[in-house]
Amino acid sequence: MEAHQRMKGLMKPVTASRRGNTSFLGWQAYEPLLNGNKTLDFCLNKELLIREFSFHQLNANLLWPGTFAFAEWLVQHRQWIEGRRVLELGSGTGALAIFLAKTFQLDITTSDYDDAEIEENIAHNCEINGVTPALPHIRHSWGDIFPISHPEWDLIIASDILLYVKQYGNLIKSLSFLLKSSKTKASGGTGAAFLMSWRRRIGKEEESIFFSGCEEAGLQVEHIGSRVYCIRAR
């Protein structure tokens, strides 16, 4: 069968199939579809097969629409990622990290809530997309002590991670450590940056809680367009 997703006035065909309890959808890059597990037909002739699972307490089981918008932005602004060592927070299914690794041969590490099921699913998605060995993965619940005491990443990325307001303080705590402890800053560089794409709509009041919390923690927030934010240590 065929499904379609309308975006920016364009209609493009999307193939869909089902194997057992798992569905596989194919679509053009940057077009968000929300149903089932997906085959991603990104630009640059990159196609990914991504497995989702039915439930996770922190929604780490799904591929969210912000992934597509952020992938598009990163392709258009590849100077942000080329040659960088990258850590992704809230990797979920690992789709964005796998896409970036395959497209740009990026040195990227995934991370998410300290949970074996998430890690296994990311490893599975790496394997079925020919990324072997699997991308490095860090199990880290925000707010806990980060398992690496001297982070060396130049860039931290995330998309659609501001869903749970009660987790903002923990997220800011982890971000502060990663940005302020960056070895790139200690060696005289500008330090690591955090790029975040936020597409899911919440109230302005809730959204401001996160950004004001960042400022209070000594972080500098800049909106650089298309709902992409850059956060650095002051």
C-alpha atoms as a PDB file:
ATOM      1  CA  MET A   1       0.000   0.000   0.000  1.00  0.00           C
ATOM      2  CA  GLU A   2       1.010   3.621  -0.207  1.00  0.00           C
ATOM      3  CA  ALA A   3       0.691   6.363   2.365  1.00  0.00           C
ATOM      4  CA  HIS A   4       1.432  10.029   1.845  1.00  0.00           C
ATOM      5  CA  GLN A   5       2.705  12.874   3.990  1.00  0.00           C
ATOM      6  CA  ARG A   6       2.158  16.483   3.019  1.00  0.00           C
ATOM      7  CA  MET A   7       4.869  18.971   3.889  1.00  0.00           C
ATOM      8  CA  LYS A   8       5.719  22.391   2.508  1.00  0.00           C
ATOM      9  CA  GLY A   9       3.089  21.996  -0.202  1.00  0.00           C
ATOM     10  CA  LEU A  10       4.611  18.785  -1.547  1.00  0.00           C
ATOM     11  CA  MET A  11       3.109  15.314  -1.655  1.00  0.00           C
ATOM     12  CA  LYS A  12       5.496  12.378  -1.864  1.00  0.00           C
ATOM     13  CA  PRO A  13       4.683   8.638  -1.861  1.00  0.00           C
ATOM     14  CA  VAL A  14       5.608   6.553   1.130  1.00  0.00           C
ATOM     15  CA  THR A  15       5.669   2.778   0.917  1.00  0.00           C
ATOM     16  CA  ALA A  16       4.542   0.749   3.910  1.00  0.00           C
ATOM     17  CA  SER A  17       4.708  -2.929   4.785  1.00  0.00           C
ATOM     18  CA  ARG A  18       4.168  -5.077   7.848  1.00  0.00           C
ATOM     19  CA  ARG A  19       6.091  -8.104   9.077  1.00  0.00           C
ATOM     20  CA  GLY A  20       4.450  -9.691  12.066  1.00  0.00           C
ATOM     21  CA  ASN A  21       3.931  -6.981  14.657  1.00  0.00           C
ATOM     22  CA  THR A  22       6.473  -4.635  13.095  1.00  0.00           C
ATOM     23  CA  SER A  23       5.710  -2.154  10.351  1.00  0.00           C
ATOM     24  CA  PHE A  24       8.275  -0.648   8.018  1.00  0.00           C
ATOM     25  CA  LEU A  25       7.660   2.671   6.321  1.00  0.00           C
ATOM     26  CA  GLY A  26       9.742   4.390   3.688  1.00  0.00           C
ATOM     27  CA  TRP A  27       9.647   8.114   2.998  1.00  0.00           C
ATOM     28  CA  GLN A  28      11.639  11.044   1.730  1.00  0.00           C
ATOM     29  CA  ALA A  29      13.975  12.806   4.104  1.00  0.00           C
ATOM     30  CA  TYR A  30      12.566  15.365   6.503  1.00  0.00           C
ATOM     31  CA  GLU A  31       8.948  14.279   6.197  1.00  0.00           C
ATOM     32  CA  PRO A  32       7.594  13.317   9.627  1.00  0.00           C
ATOM     33  CA  LEU A  33       5.456  10.193   9.880  1.00  0.00           C
ATOM     34  CA  LEU A  34       4.354   8.950  13.259  1.00  0.00           C
ATOM     35  CA  ASN A  35       3.075   5.412  12.731  1.00  0.00           C
ATOM     36  CA  GLY A  36       5.056   2.292  13.434  1.00  0.00           C
ATOM     37  CA  ASN A  37       8.654   1.439  12.756  1.00  0.00           C
ATOM     38  CA  LYS A  38      10.131   3.180   9.799  1.00  0.00           C
ATOM     39  CA  THR A  39      12.450   2.918   6.876  1.00  0.00           C
ATOM     40  CA  LEU A  40      14.025   6.340   6.430  1.00  0.00           C
ATOM     41  CA  ASP A  41      14.812   7.434   2.890  1.00  0.00           C
ATOM     42  CA  PHE A  42      16.971  10.433   3.696  1.00  0.00           C
ATOM     43  CA  CYS A  43      18.654  12.721   1.210  1.00  0.00           C
ATOM     44  CA  LEU A  44      21.997  11.710  -0.286  1.00  0.00           C
ATOM     45  CA  ASN A  45      20.480   8.316  -1.101  1.00  0.00           C
ATOM     46  CA  LYS A  46      20.617   7.169   2.501  1.00  0.00           C
ATOM     47  CA  GLU A  47      17.933   4.733   3.589  1.00  0.00           C
ATOM     48  CA  LEU A  48      17.595   3.517   7.155  1.00  0.00           C
ATOM     49  CA  LEU A  49      15.438   0.798   8.651  1.00  0.00           C
ATOM     50  CA  ILE A  50      14.489   1.763  12.200  1.00  0.00           C
ATOM     51  CA  ARG A  51      12.840  -0.503  14.752  1.00  0.00           C
ATOM     52  CA  GLU A  52      10.635   1.031  17.420  1.00  0.00           C
ATOM     53  CA  PHE A  53       9.069  -0.848  20.290  1.00  0.00           C
ATOM     54  CA  SER A  54       5.624  -0.530  21.779  1.00  0.00           C
ATOM     55  CA  PHE A  55       6.236   1.200  25.109  1.00  0.00           C
ATOM     56  CA  HIS A  56       8.864   2.901  27.226  1.00  0.00           C
ATOM     57  CA  GLN A  57       8.252   4.914  30.375  1.00  0.00           C
ATOM     58  CA  LEU A  58      10.246   7.868  29.005  1.00  0.00           C
ATOM     59  CA  ASN A  59       9.128   7.556  25.355  1.00  0.00           C
ATOM     60  CA  ALA A  60      12.582   6.399  24.243  1.00  0.00           C
ATOM     61  CA  ASN A  61      10.886   3.793  22.059  1.00  0.00           C
ATOM     62  CA  LEU A  62       9.731   6.119  19.277  1.00  0.00           C
ATOM     63  CA  LEU A  63      11.154   8.131  16.419  1.00  0.00           C
ATOM     64  CA  TRP A  64       9.858  11.667  16.903  1.00  0.00           C
ATOM     65  CA  PRO A  65       9.180  14.166  14.077  1.00  0.00           C
ATOM     66  CA  GLY A  66      11.820  16.570  15.337  1.00  0.00           C
ATOM     67  CA  THR A  67      14.450  14.092  14.177  1.00  0.00           C
ATOM     68  CA  PHE A  68      13.633  14.846  10.551  1.00  0.00           C
ATOM     69  CA  ALA A  69      13.680  18.610  10.925  1.00  0.00           C
ATOM     70  CA  PHE A  70      16.981  18.452  12.801  1.00  0.00           C
ATOM     71  CA  ALA A  71      18.496  16.091  10.219  1.00  0.00           C
ATOM     72  CA  GLU A  72      17.554  18.570   7.500  1.00  0.00           C
ATOM     73  CA  TRP A  73      19.042  21.461   9.451  1.00  0.00           C
ATOM     74  CA  LEU A  74      22.299  19.582  10.078  1.00  0.00           C
ATOM     75  CA  VAL A  75      22.630  18.646   6.413  1.00  0.00           C
ATOM     76  CA  GLN A  76      22.170  22.300   5.477  1.00  0.00           C
ATOM     77  CA  HIS A  77      24.575  23.450   8.203  1.00  0.00           C
ATOM     78  CA  ARG A  78      27.073  20.640   8.065  1.00  0.00           C
ATOM     79  CA  GLN A  79      29.877  22.936   9.221  1.00  0.00           C
ATOM     80  CA  TRP A  80      28.512  22.392  12.724  1.00  0.00           C
ATOM     81  CA  ILE A  81      29.232  18.662  12.647  1.00  0.00           C
ATOM     82  CA  GLU A  82      31.971  17.907  10.126  1.00  0.00           C
ATOM     83  CA  GLY A  83      35.191  16.906  11.861  1.00  0.00           C
ATOM     84  CA  ARG A  84      33.555  17.009  15.300  1.00  0.00           C
ATOM     85  CA  ARG A  85      33.328  14.394  18.004  1.00  0.00           C
ATOM     86  CA  VAL A  86      29.634  14.297  18.840  1.00  0.00           C
ATOM     87  CA  LEU A  87      27.500  13.050  21.721  1.00  0.00           C
ATOM     88  CA  GLU A  88      23.755  12.736  21.259  1.00  0.00           C
ATOM     89  CA  LEU A  89      21.518  13.023  24.316  1.00  0.00           C
ATOM     90  CA  GLY A  90      18.159  11.288  24.306  1.00  0.00           C
ATOM     91  CA  SER A  91      19.074   9.108  21.331  1.00  0.00           C
ATOM     92  CA  GLY A  92      15.935   6.972  21.589  1.00  0.00           C
ATOM     93  CA  THR A  93      16.008   4.611  18.611  1.00  0.00           C
ATOM     94  CA  GLY A  94      19.411   5.920  17.478  1.00  0.00           C
ATOM     95  CA  ALA A  95      18.042   6.989  14.083  1.00  0.00           C
ATOM     96  CA  LEU A  96      19.628  10.440  13.949  1.00  0.00           C
ATOM     97  CA  ALA A  97      23.038   9.232  15.108  1.00  0.00           C
ATOM     98  CA  ILE A  98      23.001   6.356  12.609  1.00  0.00           C
ATOM     99  CA  PHE A  99      22.040   8.727   9.791  1.00  0.00           C
ATOM    100  CA  LEU A 100      24.856  11.144  10.682  1.00  0.00           C
ATOM    101  CA  ALA A 101      27.391   8.337  11.046  1.00  0.00           C
ATOM    102  CA  LYS A 102      26.521   6.914   7.627  1.00  0.00           C
ATOM    103  CA  THR A 103      26.192  10.251   5.841  1.00  0.00           C
ATOM    104  CA  PHE A 104      29.176  12.127   7.251  1.00  0.00           C
ATOM    105  CA  GLN A 105      31.282   9.285   8.702  1.00  0.00           C
ATOM    106  CA  LEU A 106      30.763  11.155  11.951  1.00  0.00           C
ATOM    107  CA  ASP A 107      32.418  10.143  15.206  1.00  0.00           C
ATOM    108  CA  ILE A 108      29.236  10.015  17.271  1.00  0.00           C
ATOM    109  CA  THR A 109      28.241   8.430  20.562  1.00  0.00           C
ATOM    110  CA  THR A 110      24.634   7.760  21.521  1.00  0.00           C
ATOM    111  CA  SER A 111      23.236   8.096  25.016  1.00  0.00           C
ATOM    112  CA  ASP A 112      19.924   7.759  26.783  1.00  0.00           C
ATOM    113  CA  TYR A 113      18.289   6.776  30.044  1.00  0.00           C
ATOM    114  CA  ASP A 114      20.135   4.030  31.945  1.00  0.00           C
ATOM    115  CA  ASP A 115      18.146   1.191  30.447  1.00  0.00           C
ATOM    116  CA  ALA A 116      19.282  -2.031  28.755  1.00  0.00           C
ATOM    117  CA  GLU A 117      16.295  -2.139  26.373  1.00  0.00           C
ATOM    118  CA  ILE A 118      17.165   1.240  24.844  1.00  0.00           C
ATOM    119  CA  GLU A 119      20.801   0.282  24.392  1.00  0.00           C
ATOM    120  CA  GLU A 120      19.880  -3.041  22.792  1.00  0.00           C
ATOM    121  CA  ASN A 121      17.456  -1.393  20.371  1.00  0.00           C
ATOM    122  CA  ILE A 122      20.038   1.173  19.248  1.00  0.00           C
ATOM    123  CA  ALA A 123      22.557  -1.638  18.719  1.00  0.00           C
ATOM    124  CA  HIS A 124      19.939  -3.543  16.727  1.00  0.00           C
ATOM    125  CA  ASN A 125      19.217  -0.523  14.528  1.00  0.00           C
ATOM    126  CA  CYS A 126      22.939  -0.024  13.964  1.00  0.00           C
ATOM    127  CA  GLU A 127      23.321  -3.639  12.873  1.00  0.00           C
ATOM    128  CA  ILE A 128      20.404  -3.708  10.440  1.00  0.00           C
ATOM    129  CA  ASN A 129      21.708  -0.515   8.846  1.00  0.00           C
ATOM    130  CA  GLY A 130      25.248  -1.788   8.392  1.00  0.00           C
ATOM    131  CA  VAL A 131      26.830   0.254  11.186  1.00  0.00           C
ATOM    132  CA  THR A 132      29.152  -2.325  12.715  1.00  0.00           C
ATOM    133  CA  PRO A 133      30.384  -2.364  15.318  1.00  0.00           C
ATOM    134  CA  ALA A 134      27.474  -0.525  16.876  1.00  0.00           C
ATOM    135  CA  LEU A 135      27.956   3.114  17.742  1.00  0.00           C
ATOM    136  CA  PRO A 136      29.383   3.715  21.224  1.00  0.00           C
ATOM    137  CA  HIS A 137      26.582   4.139  23.737  1.00  0.00           C
ATOM    138  CA  ILE A 138      26.459   5.672  27.207  1.00  0.00           C
ATOM    139  CA  ARG A 139      23.698   4.772  29.633  1.00  0.00           C
ATOM    140  CA  HIS A 140      23.082   7.948  31.609  1.00  0.00           C
ATOM    141  CA  SER A 141      20.038   9.150  33.483  1.00  0.00           C
ATOM    142  CA  TRP A 142      20.092  12.948  33.554  1.00  0.00           C
ATOM    143  CA  GLY A 143      21.177  14.360  36.874  1.00  0.00           C
ATOM    144  CA  ASP A 144      23.203  11.303  37.845  1.00  0.00           C
ATOM    145  CA  ILE A 145      26.993  11.363  37.901  1.00  0.00           C
ATOM    146  CA  PHE A 146      28.180  11.163  34.304  1.00  0.00           C
ATOM    147  CA  PRO A 147      30.129   7.934  33.745  1.00  0.00           C
ATOM    148  CA  ILE A 148      32.993   9.731  31.958  1.00  0.00           C
ATOM    149  CA  SER A 149      34.786  12.228  34.188  1.00  0.00           C
ATOM    150  CA  HIS A 150      36.648  14.078  31.420  1.00  0.00           C
ATOM    151  CA  PRO A 151      34.360  14.405  28.365  1.00  0.00           C
ATOM    152  CA  GLU A 152      36.087  15.043  25.037  1.00  0.00           C
ATOM    153  CA  TRP A 153      33.123  15.749  22.769  1.00  0.00           C
ATOM    154  CA  ASP A 154      33.183  18.948  20.710  1.00  0.00           C
ATOM    155  CA  LEU A 155      29.447  18.940  20.121  1.00  0.00           C
ATOM    156  CA  ILE A 156      26.403  17.634  21.973  1.00  0.00           C
ATOM    157  CA  ILE A 157      23.136  17.310  20.068  1.00  0.00           C
ATOM    158  CA  ALA A 158      19.529  16.440  20.871  1.00  0.00           C
ATOM    159  CA  SER A 159      16.068  16.789  19.401  1.00  0.00           C
ATOM    160  CA  ASP A 160      12.667  16.929  21.109  1.00  0.00           C
ATOM    161  CA  ILE A 161      13.920  16.244  24.630  1.00  0.00           C
ATOM    162  CA  LEU A 162      11.949  18.881  26.567  1.00  0.00           C
ATOM    163  CA  LEU A 163       8.838  16.790  27.106  1.00  0.00           C
ATOM    164  CA  TYR A 164       9.068  16.287  30.875  1.00  0.00           C
ATOM    165  CA  VAL A 165       9.283  19.557  32.768  1.00  0.00           C
ATOM    166  CA  LYS A 166      10.169  17.745  35.978  1.00  0.00           C
ATOM    167  CA  GLN A 167      13.360  16.509  34.283  1.00  0.00           C
ATOM    168  CA  TYR A 168      14.598  19.971  33.265  1.00  0.00           C
ATOM    169  CA  GLY A 169      16.710  20.394  36.396  1.00  0.00           C
ATOM    170  CA  ASN A 170      18.369  17.023  35.883  1.00  0.00           C
ATOM    171  CA  LEU A 171      18.979  17.727  32.192  1.00  0.00           C
ATOM    172  CA  ILE A 172      20.548  21.101  33.004  1.00  0.00           C
ATOM    173  CA  LYS A 173      22.768  19.453  35.619  1.00  0.00           C
ATOM    174  CA  SER A 174      24.078  16.951  33.063  1.00  0.00           C
ATOM    175  CA  LEU A 175      24.468  19.630  30.397  1.00  0.00           C
ATOM    176  CA  SER A 176      26.371  21.896  32.767  1.00  0.00           C
ATOM    177  CA  PHE A 177      28.830  19.134  33.537  1.00  0.00           C
ATOM    178  CA  LEU A 178      29.362  18.236  29.876  1.00  0.00           C
ATOM    179  CA  LEU A 179      29.789  21.823  28.706  1.00  0.00           C
ATOM    180  CA  LYS A 180      31.866  23.102  31.609  1.00  0.00           C
ATOM    181  CA  SER A 181      34.098  20.018  31.838  1.00  0.00           C
ATOM    182  CA  SER A 182      34.859  19.869  28.122  1.00  0.00           C
ATOM    183  CA  LYS A 183      38.540  19.169  27.469  1.00  0.00           C
ATOM    184  CA  THR A 184      38.298  21.280  24.306  1.00  0.00           C
ATOM    185  CA  LYS A 185      37.681  24.332  26.494  1.00  0.00           C
ATOM    186  CA  ALA A 186      40.451  23.358  28.919  1.00  0.00           C
ATOM    187  CA  SER A 187      42.891  23.165  26.000  1.00  0.00           C
ATOM    188  CA  GLY A 188      42.161  26.743  24.950  1.00  0.00           C
ATOM    189  CA  GLY A 189      39.351  26.140  22.479  1.00  0.00           C
ATOM    190  CA  THR A 190      35.871  27.629  22.542  1.00  0.00           C
ATOM    191  CA  GLY A 191      34.541  24.616  24.396  1.00  0.00           C
ATOM    192  CA  ALA A 192      31.797  22.193  23.565  1.00  0.00           C
ATOM    193  CA  ALA A 193      28.445  23.417  22.270  1.00  0.00           C
ATOM    194  CA  PHE A 194      25.000  21.916  22.712  1.00  0.00           C
ATOM    195  CA  LEU A 195      22.731  22.055  19.656  1.00  0.00           C
ATOM    196  CA  MET A 196      19.093  21.300  20.354  1.00  0.00           C
ATOM    197  CA  SER A 197      16.181  21.175  17.956  1.00  0.00           C
ATOM    198  CA  TRP A 198      12.831  21.592  19.672  1.00  0.00           C
ATOM    199  CA  ARG A 199       9.728  20.898  17.578  1.00  0.00           C
ATOM    200  CA  ARG A 200       7.188  19.469  19.983  1.00  0.00           C
ATOM    201  CA  ARG A 201       4.889  22.191  21.207  1.00  0.00           C
ATOM    202  CA  ILE A 202       4.555  22.926  24.901  1.00  0.00           C
ATOM    203  CA  GLY A 203       3.449  26.071  26.645  1.00  0.00           C
ATOM    204  CA  LYS A 204       5.727  29.085  26.498  1.00  0.00           C
ATOM    205  CA  GLU A 205       5.851  29.119  30.287  1.00  0.00           C
ATOM    206  CA  GLU A 206       7.117  25.541  30.456  1.00  0.00           C
ATOM    207  CA  GLU A 207       9.603  26.169  27.654  1.00  0.00           C
ATOM    208  CA  SER A 208      10.961  29.235  29.425  1.00  0.00           C
ATOM    209  CA  ILE A 209      11.597  27.189  32.571  1.00  0.00           C
ATOM    210  CA  PHE A 210      14.302  25.254  30.736  1.00  0.00           C
ATOM    211  CA  PHE A 211      15.999  28.233  29.103  1.00  0.00           C
ATOM    212  CA  SER A 212      15.930  30.373  32.248  1.00  0.00           C
ATOM    213  CA  GLY A 213      17.275  27.398  34.182  1.00  0.00           C
ATOM    214  CA  CYS A 214      20.170  27.173  31.742  1.00  0.00           C
ATOM    215  CA  GLU A 215      20.951  30.867  32.224  1.00  0.00           C
ATOM    216  CA  GLU A 216      20.842  30.494  36.015  1.00  0.00           C
ATOM    217  CA  ALA A 217      23.264  27.568  35.743  1.00  0.00           C
ATOM    218  CA  GLY A 218      25.813  29.734  33.927  1.00  0.00           C
ATOM    219  CA  LEU A 219      24.956  28.622  30.409  1.00  0.00           C
ATOM    220  CA  GLN A 220      24.377  30.936  27.437  1.00  0.00           C
ATOM    221  CA  VAL A 221      21.385  30.245  25.200  1.00  0.00           C
ATOM    222  CA  GLU A 222      21.153  31.426  21.592  1.00  0.00           C
ATOM    223  CA  HIS A 223      18.329  30.748  19.131  1.00  0.00           C
ATOM    224  CA  ILE A 224      20.066  30.288  15.783  1.00  0.00           C
ATOM    225  CA  GLY A 225      16.968  29.767  13.655  1.00  0.00           C
ATOM    226  CA  SER A 226      14.434  27.107  12.690  1.00  0.00           C
ATOM    227  CA  ARG A 227      13.847  26.333  16.373  1.00  0.00           C
ATOM    228  CA  VAL A 228      17.451  25.214  16.779  1.00  0.00           C
ATOM    229  CA  TYR A 229      19.208  26.474  19.902  1.00  0.00           C
ATOM    230  CA  CYS A 230      22.903  26.647  20.722  1.00  0.00           C
ATOM    231  CA  ILE A 231      23.862  26.454  24.383  1.00  0.00           C
ATOM    232  CA  ARG A 232      27.396  26.983  25.677  1.00  0.00           C
ATOM    233  CA  ALA A 233      29.125  27.495  28.993  1.00  0.00           C
ATOM    234  CA  ARG A 234      29.805  31.164  29.720  1.00  0.00           C
END
